[in-house]
Structures are given as structure tokens and as C-alpha cells.
N, C-alpha and C. Protein backbone atom coordinates (compact mmCIF):
# COMPACT_ATOMS: atom_id res chain seq x y z
N UNK A 1 0.28 14.58 14.70
CA UNK A 1 0.84 12.83 15.43
C UNK A 1 1.20 12.29 14.45
N UNK A 2 2.49 11.56 14.39
CA UNK A 2 2.92 10.72 13.55
C UNK A 2 3.34 8.93 14.53
N UNK A 3 2.23 8.35 13.80
CA UNK A 3 1.50 7.51 14.34
C UNK A 3 3.10 6.48 13.57
N UNK A 4 2.88 5.13 14.18
CA UNK A 4 3.98 3.79 13.39
C UNK A 4 3.56 2.71 13.18
N UNK A 5 3.61 2.33 12.15
CA UNK A 5 2.95 1.20 10.96
C UNK A 5 4.21 0.41 10.98
N UNK A 6 3.78 -0.83 10.70
CA UNK A 6 4.34 -1.78 9.84
C UNK A 6 5.51 -1.18 8.87
N UNK A 7 4.47 -0.33 8.14
CA UNK A 7 5.59 0.16 7.20
C UNK A 7 6.44 1.31 7.52
N UNK A 8 6.38 1.84 8.32
CA UNK A 8 7.29 2.95 9.44
C UNK A 8 5.72 4.04 10.06
N UNK A 9 6.91 5.39 9.67
CA UNK A 9 5.41 6.28 10.52
C UNK A 9 4.47 6.62 9.25
N UNK A 10 3.70 7.26 9.83
CA UNK A 10 2.85 7.73 8.71
C UNK A 10 2.48 8.87 9.88
N UNK A 11 1.86 10.00 8.87
CA UNK A 11 1.53 11.53 9.41
C UNK A 11 -0.81 11.36 9.42
N UNK A 12 -1.40 11.75 10.33
CA UNK A 12 -1.98 12.37 10.74
C UNK A 12 -2.67 13.28 10.77
N UNK A 13 -3.81 13.80 10.29
CA UNK A 13 -3.92 14.74 10.35
C UNK A 13 -6.03 14.81 10.69
N UNK A 14 -6.52 16.08 10.45
CA UNK A 14 -7.63 16.54 10.13
C UNK A 14 -7.87 17.14 8.76
N UNK A 15 -8.90 17.25 7.96
CA UNK A 15 -9.37 17.53 6.87
C UNK A 15 -10.70 18.08 7.34
N UNK A 16 -10.76 19.23 7.21
CA UNK A 16 -12.35 19.96 7.46
C UNK A 16 -12.69 20.39 6.51
N UNK A 17 -14.03 20.00 5.69
CA UNK A 17 -14.73 20.70 4.58
C UNK A 17 -16.02 21.52 4.77
N UNK A 18 -16.17 22.05 4.57
CA UNK A 18 -17.21 23.47 4.33
C UNK A 18 -17.65 23.17 3.12
N UNK A 19 -19.46 22.43 3.75
CA UNK A 19 -19.98 21.68 2.72
C UNK A 19 -21.57 23.25 2.34
N UNK A 20 -21.80 22.77 1.05
CA UNK A 20 -22.72 23.89 0.45
C UNK A 20 -24.28 23.07 0.48
N UNK A 21 -25.01 24.14 0.86
CA UNK A 21 -26.20 23.48 0.83
C UNK A 21 -26.90 23.05 2.17
N UNK A 22 -28.28 22.30 2.23
CA UNK A 22 -28.85 22.37 3.77
C UNK A 22 -28.95 21.22 3.52
N UNK A 23 -28.14 19.97 4.65
CA UNK A 23 -27.88 18.86 5.29
C UNK A 23 -29.46 18.08 5.99
N UNK A 24 -29.84 17.00 6.41
CA UNK A 24 -30.64 16.84 7.17
C UNK A 24 -29.83 15.33 8.38
N UNK A 25 -29.84 15.26 9.11
CA UNK A 25 -29.67 14.19 10.30
C UNK A 25 -29.00 13.00 9.42
N UNK A 26 -29.75 12.52 8.49
CA UNK A 26 -29.86 10.90 7.38
C UNK A 26 -28.88 11.42 6.80
N UNK A 27 -29.28 12.67 5.58
CA UNK A 27 -28.48 12.76 5.18
C UNK A 27 -26.50 13.21 5.41
N UNK A 28 -27.15 13.70 6.88
CA UNK A 28 -25.40 13.83 7.06
C UNK A 28 -25.02 12.69 6.98
N UNK A 29 -25.29 11.56 7.86
CA UNK A 29 -25.28 10.48 8.51
C UNK A 29 -24.53 9.43 6.96
N UNK A 30 -25.56 10.02 6.05
CA UNK A 30 -24.88 9.00 5.05
C UNK A 30 -23.83 9.39 4.08
N UNK A 31 -23.58 10.93 4.67
CA UNK A 31 -21.74 11.71 3.65
C UNK A 31 -21.26 10.51 5.26
N UNK A 32 -21.53 10.99 5.97
CA UNK A 32 -20.00 10.05 6.84
C UNK A 32 -20.21 8.87 6.58
N UNK A 33 -21.04 8.05 6.22
CA UNK A 33 -20.71 6.60 5.60
C UNK A 33 -20.19 6.25 4.04
N UNK A 34 -20.16 7.92 3.50
CA UNK A 34 -19.21 7.35 2.40
C UNK A 34 -18.12 8.38 2.22
N UNK A 35 -17.56 9.22 3.22
CA UNK A 35 -16.20 9.10 3.21
C UNK A 35 -15.50 8.19 4.14
N UNK A 36 -16.30 7.51 5.31
CA UNK A 36 -15.37 6.80 5.85
C UNK A 36 -14.99 5.27 4.49
N UNK A 37 -15.16 5.71 3.30
CA UNK A 37 -14.94 4.49 2.80
C UNK A 37 -14.18 4.98 2.24
N UNK A 38 -13.56 6.55 1.84
CA UNK A 38 -12.16 6.34 1.39
C UNK A 38 -10.99 6.28 1.60
N UNK A 39 -10.25 5.37 1.22
CA UNK A 39 -8.97 5.38 1.55
C UNK A 39 -8.13 6.46 2.47
N UNK A 40 -7.44 5.97 3.20
CA UNK A 40 -6.88 7.07 3.96
C UNK A 40 -7.57 7.60 5.34
N UNK A 41 -8.78 7.62 5.42
CA UNK A 41 -9.22 8.26 6.55
C UNK A 41 -10.23 7.00 7.76
N UNK A 42 -9.79 7.83 8.82
CA UNK A 42 -9.93 7.25 9.80
C UNK A 42 -11.39 7.08 10.58
N UNK A 43 -12.26 8.22 10.58
CA UNK A 43 -13.60 8.46 10.70
C UNK A 43 -13.95 10.17 10.21
N UNK A 44 -14.79 10.16 10.47
CA UNK A 44 -15.45 11.41 9.97
C UNK A 44 -17.00 11.68 10.95
N UNK A 45 -17.41 12.66 10.81
CA UNK A 45 -18.98 13.73 11.24
C UNK A 45 -19.01 14.94 10.72
N UNK A 46 -20.21 14.64 10.29
CA UNK A 46 -20.50 15.59 9.63
C UNK A 46 -21.48 16.06 10.34
N UNK A 47 -21.52 17.31 10.45
CA UNK A 47 -22.69 18.68 11.71
C UNK A 47 -23.16 19.05 10.51
N UNK A 48 -24.61 19.07 10.35
CA UNK A 48 -25.85 20.30 9.44
C UNK A 48 -25.62 21.29 10.05
N UNK A 49 -25.65 21.85 11.65
CA UNK A 49 -25.70 22.97 11.83
C UNK A 49 -24.94 24.17 11.04
N UNK A 50 -23.29 23.83 11.25
CA UNK A 50 -22.76 24.31 10.67
C UNK A 50 -21.91 23.73 9.57
N UNK A 51 -22.77 22.91 8.50
CA UNK A 51 -22.51 23.00 7.47
C UNK A 51 -21.04 22.14 7.40
N UNK A 52 -20.51 21.50 7.88
CA UNK A 52 -18.90 20.86 8.38
C UNK A 52 -18.87 19.37 8.23
N UNK A 53 -17.63 18.76 7.27
CA UNK A 53 -17.37 17.71 8.21
C UNK A 53 -16.47 17.42 8.45
N UNK A 54 -15.66 16.86 10.10
CA UNK A 54 -14.80 16.68 9.83
C UNK A 54 -14.32 15.69 9.56
N UNK A 55 -12.93 15.41 8.98
CA UNK A 55 -12.56 14.16 9.19
C UNK A 55 -11.29 14.20 9.63
N UNK A 56 -10.80 12.61 9.84
CA UNK A 56 -9.86 12.08 10.70
C UNK A 56 -8.92 11.30 9.68
N UNK A 57 -7.76 11.60 9.23
CA UNK A 57 -6.90 11.11 8.02
C UNK A 57 -5.35 11.00 7.95
N UNK A 58 -5.78 9.05 7.79
CA UNK A 58 -3.90 9.12 7.75
C UNK A 58 -3.23 9.90 6.49
N UNK A 59 -2.91 11.04 6.50
CA UNK A 59 -2.39 12.28 5.11
C UNK A 59 -1.09 11.61 4.06
N UNK A 60 -1.03 10.63 4.55
CA UNK A 60 0.06 9.45 3.40
C UNK A 60 -1.21 8.58 3.09
N UNK A 61 -2.06 8.68 2.93
CA UNK A 61 -2.77 7.38 2.55
C UNK A 61 -3.79 8.25 2.36
N UNK A 62 -4.36 9.32 2.29
CA UNK A 62 -5.67 10.40 1.43
C UNK A 62 -5.09 11.03 0.52
N UNK A 63 -6.10 11.02 -0.40
CA UNK A 63 -6.45 11.24 -1.89
C UNK A 63 -7.26 12.51 -1.38
N UNK A 64 -6.97 13.96 -1.26
CA UNK A 64 -7.77 14.74 -1.05
C UNK A 64 -9.03 15.39 -2.16
N UNK A 65 -8.53 14.75 -3.26
CA UNK A 65 -9.88 14.76 -4.26
C UNK A 65 -10.30 13.88 -4.10
N UNK A 66 -10.31 12.49 -4.01
CA UNK A 66 -11.19 11.73 -3.56
C UNK A 66 -12.16 11.73 -2.73
N UNK A 67 -11.83 12.31 -1.57
CA UNK A 67 -12.96 12.86 -0.33
C UNK A 67 -13.96 13.53 -1.16
N UNK A 68 -12.84 14.61 -1.89
CA UNK A 68 -13.85 15.88 -1.78
C UNK A 68 -15.43 15.49 -3.26
N UNK A 69 -14.55 14.25 -4.01
CA UNK A 69 -15.31 13.80 -5.11
C UNK A 69 -16.42 12.66 -4.82
N UNK A 70 -16.43 12.31 -3.40
CA UNK A 70 -17.64 11.38 -2.79
C UNK A 70 -18.58 12.61 -2.27
N UNK A 71 -18.10 13.10 -2.24
CA UNK A 71 -19.14 14.11 -1.63
C UNK A 71 -19.44 15.41 -2.87
N UNK A 72 -19.59 15.84 -3.61
CA UNK A 72 -19.47 15.91 -4.36
C UNK A 72 -20.96 15.23 -4.83
N UNK A 73 -20.06 13.15 -5.32
CA UNK A 73 -20.91 12.48 -6.15
C UNK A 73 -22.71 12.82 -5.41
N UNK A 74 -22.58 12.98 -4.10
CA UNK A 74 -23.81 13.28 -3.06
C UNK A 74 -24.61 13.78 -3.48
N UNK A 75 -23.79 15.18 -4.76
CA UNK A 75 -25.07 16.69 -4.58
C UNK A 75 -24.45 16.92 -3.96
N UNK A 76 -23.26 17.62 -2.40
CA UNK A 76 -22.53 18.51 -2.24
C UNK A 76 -22.12 19.35 -2.39
N UNK A 77 -22.64 20.66 -2.17
CA UNK A 77 -21.13 21.11 -3.03
C UNK A 77 -20.05 20.70 -1.39
N UNK A 78 -19.10 20.92 -1.74
CA UNK A 78 -17.87 21.75 -1.42
C UNK A 78 -17.10 22.79 -1.33
N UNK A 79 -17.20 23.60 -0.51
CA UNK A 79 -17.09 25.65 -1.13
C UNK A 79 -15.84 25.95 -0.36
N UNK A 80 -14.97 24.74 0.78
CA UNK A 80 -13.68 24.94 0.92
C UNK A 80 -13.18 23.71 1.63
N UNK A 81 -12.04 23.81 1.47
CA UNK A 81 -10.73 22.27 2.14
C UNK A 81 -9.83 22.99 3.38
N UNK A 82 -10.00 22.13 4.82
CA UNK A 82 -8.68 22.65 5.19
C UNK A 82 -7.39 21.72 5.67
N UNK A 83 -6.83 21.41 5.44
CA UNK A 83 -6.13 20.30 6.00
C UNK A 83 -4.98 21.10 7.47
N UNK A 84 -5.23 19.89 8.62
CA UNK A 84 -4.81 20.29 9.63
C UNK A 84 -3.45 18.93 9.82
N UNK A 85 -2.31 18.80 10.01
CA UNK A 85 -1.48 17.98 10.67
C UNK A 85 -0.88 18.18 11.36
N UNK A 86 -0.96 16.95 12.38
CA UNK A 86 -0.84 16.71 13.78
C UNK A 86 0.30 16.77 13.69
N UNK A 87 1.47 17.21 14.57
CA UNK A 87 2.79 17.42 14.88
C UNK A 87 2.87 16.24 15.93
N UNK A 88 4.40 15.42 15.43
CA UNK A 88 4.55 14.93 16.22
C UNK A 88 5.07 14.49 17.49
């Protein structure tokens, strides 16, 4: 999906992070809060059962390395990153 802002269209998408290690519900919430602080993220959900984080993003503003770095700084391994771009 392409949304429009005051500066023009932006590209929205979903980033999925496959996480390593076990997270409890409390840790998952902490990861979600940290991810939401990364510029370009709109929302985040961490499922501790599937060990995945799903992040709604503005791809024009997101730095994927910053996103994975925040998770890594919490001691959680990011095993794989996939990006899905929404069509306009």
C-alpha cells in the first residue's frame, strides 16, 4: 500500500523477524516496545510461541539494520529477516 503524507507518497510494508531463543510473554512485550521506538515502525507484534516478530513499517523511513540491532541489543538473535512491500 502506498500512503500519502505531506511530503508525498510513502511505501508501507511488513517486516518479519525470525527470532532465536525462547521468549516469555513479558520479554515479547519488551521487544515490541523497543521495536516501536525505531523510526519508520508503525506497530509491532512478537509471538513467543512461533518466535516471530511482525512489524508494520514505512519502508521509506525504516533502517532494517537499526531494527535488527535493537532486537540484538536485547540479547535476542535475529535468524532471518523478510520484507513484504504492499502494492499501491
